[in-house]
Amino acid sequence: MLLRGVLLVVQALQLAGALDLPAGSCAFEEGTCAFDSVFAFLPWILNEEGHYVYVDASFARQGEKAVLLSSDLQAEEWSCLRLVYQITAAPGPPSHPSQLNLYVRFEDESFDRLLWSAKKPSDSWLIASLDLPNSSKKFKILIEGILGQGNTTSIALFEIKMTTGYCIECDFEENHLCGFVNRWNPNVNWFVGGGTIRNSHSILPQDHTFKNELGHYMYVDSVYVKHFQEVAQLISPMTTAPMSGCLSFYYQLQQGNDNFFSLYTRDVAGLYEEIWKVDNPGNADWNLAEVEFSAPYPMEVIFEVAFNGPKGGYVALDDISFSPVRCQNQTELPFSAVEASCNFEEDLCNFYQDKEGPGWTRVKVKPNVYRAGDHTTGYYLLANTKFTSQPGYIGRLYGPSLPGNLQYCLRFYYAIYGFLKMSDTLAVYIFEENHVVQEKIWSLLESPRGVWMQAEITFKKPMPTKVVFMSLCKSFWDCGLVALDDITIQLGSCWSPERLPPPPGECTFDQDECAFTQEKRNWSSWHRRRGETPTSYTGPKGDHTTGVGYYMYIEASHMVYGQKAHLQSKPLRGIPGKHCLTFFYHMYGAGTGLLSVYLKKEEDSEESLLWRRRGEQSISWLRALIEYSCMQQHQIIFEAIRGTSIRSDIAIDDVKFQAGPCTEVEDTTQQSSGYSEDLNAIEY
């Protein structure tokens, strides 16, 4: 079912070093190396002539899985994992396509992290390049093939190779070109130069890597140009892990010729940004270029050459490398997300106020049924304008200086109390230091009172700037309280759809129910909701994550006293050592019942109680931390029991599983209850 022509290409990929591949690699010549098929699933079949393993419709049905698991690996240095694969499909658009997934399984985590997934069929081999950040933890690579619909569907793996270095690095000495691809143009394209290749009319240079004619590089020749400013693009693999540092490469172009050589980044949404271009041709030999490169989310690097005519000569490129430190030619101070952010738990961090007097006060409020506390736990800032006797009072909070000409994403949480009018109660300005100019980039128009809400702002300025939070009290009678917490500033756009997905051990319920399931779904089940719950004086006013997202809750008005609802995780792998489970819960209402967390081991009929809260706890979200150990495969179960009245909605949000013991302290309140404190007051 697989094209034989593919094998010729794959053989070329496997010629050098096939018998001496690094750990985590396999060319499938005579076996599966240190990879094994997992017994509980279908096996991957080794082709009789070698070269690849496959799963297809001749022995597997739609939806069945084949899983390949590596031996223990370690990446103490940043590594690149390359996978050569092919997915074939039956003719016509498949309603259920085949899928190939690659996971990383760390030794101390009870879940697998999805690193990459593909569904698109092809009639030739494809290359996936995946960054593996350095870590002292041991891990395994898990490759999962899920067969789709059709009698001729198949999934094949031709080669897996793990090497030290970044996936955007390349010296172009290997046949697969490190996953770099040329965007085809009828007249102008990137070609492999050097070695025995002689297909250009121009006199091309020697390779930079080996300094002789045996090495290889990439080049663009203008001899076939037919139109004004025809463009050739060489596109890198998409980054799969956040990185920031210095991207360097060597280039050569013919002096005095009419050509343009530029470097761009492109995200998955297709947004281009120029980060470098040739200002002067340099010397006739290879020239070194160093460029500051930041990829907080997945993006490609594109080397682009444009010619104005057929006499533009050539442009050559070689030895692309990356270092996680700043380039030597940079004089500006680097941006630090840590220094630009603050949760106000210890102090004001690098934020400061006007010299006129403190308008913002760092406070700690213990949450209860009458008042909300910090967004996470501990301290936050309060603009105490309610008790200010001066009409026109303004409180300003200045952030640290931010380098110019970079795109930033500002996120923060705020809560409003008591204002009659929302206009200008809280606003965010950008202060350009060199021009002493302030520009308003966000202001509060309307907000539910007493609810922590998240705001996101994307901005970019050419000059160094500071972020300024301003709270205004127009008159004494209009003023209330403004709370501010958990300010973060990161590079990139807040609204980019290509941001990396959250780890599989985390769930905000904003997209779906993640890996949680319910045995039955009816009016008395857990429900996913946003905003307030239908019954007054119970339930949250918004979710914990952003204030406008989703959470899970039970609707007490649809249940009877003592009725239960169970939300259970998918099976989690047992590992030695401790786990830490954190989540936020909301138990507000005079008749609130019980919220319990259980651990259910595989093949055990009994469940072990890990944590429990009873009765009304607080008007705000509270954080729970549960530390437990389990060597067997297990599930975590959230059980909510309806209380004595309809005012007993219970909600959870932001569930997170972490390896190792819990390092923080749980939120606590004085527990109250509308019924007996005996745990057996409600039968379950």
Foldseek 3Di string as FASTA:
>chain_A
DADPVQQVVLCQQCVPCQVPADAPKHQFQPHGPQKFKDPVFDEFDADPRTQKTKDALVPDDAFGKIKIKGDKDAFQAKKKKKWKKFKADDPDDFPWFKKKWKWKAWQQFQDTFTQDMDGDGDNHIAMAIAIDHHDGTIIMMMMMIGHHDDRGIMMMTRIIHMDGAFLQWAQCQGPCRSRKDKDDDPFKEKDKAAAPDDDDPADDADRPPVRHRRGIWIKIALQRDDAFWDKIKIKTHKYRAWAWAKKKWKKAFDAPAAKWKWKWKAAPVGDIDTFDIDPHRPDRDIDMDITTDTPQFIIMMMIMMIHRHNRRGMMIIGGIHTDRHYDPPDDDDDDDQVQQWDQQQPHPRQKDWDPVDAQKDKDADAFFAPADGRLAHHIWIKRALLPDQDAFDKIKMKTDKDAAPFKKKKKKKKAWPDAPAQWQQKWKWKQFVVVRDIDTQDGDHDDDHRFIAMDIGIDHHRGIIIMMMMGTHRHNNRDDMMIIGTITMDTDHPPDPRGRDDTLQKFQCQVHPRQKDFPDDDLFEKDKDAAADPDPFAGARGGSPGRGGIWIKHQLVSDAALDKYKIKGDWTAAHPAKKKKKWKKAWTFQFAAKKWKWKAFPPDPDIHTFDMAGAHGGRDIWMDITMDHGRGTIMMMIMGGRGDDSRHMMIMGTIGMDRHHDDDDTRHGPGDHNDDPPPPPRPD
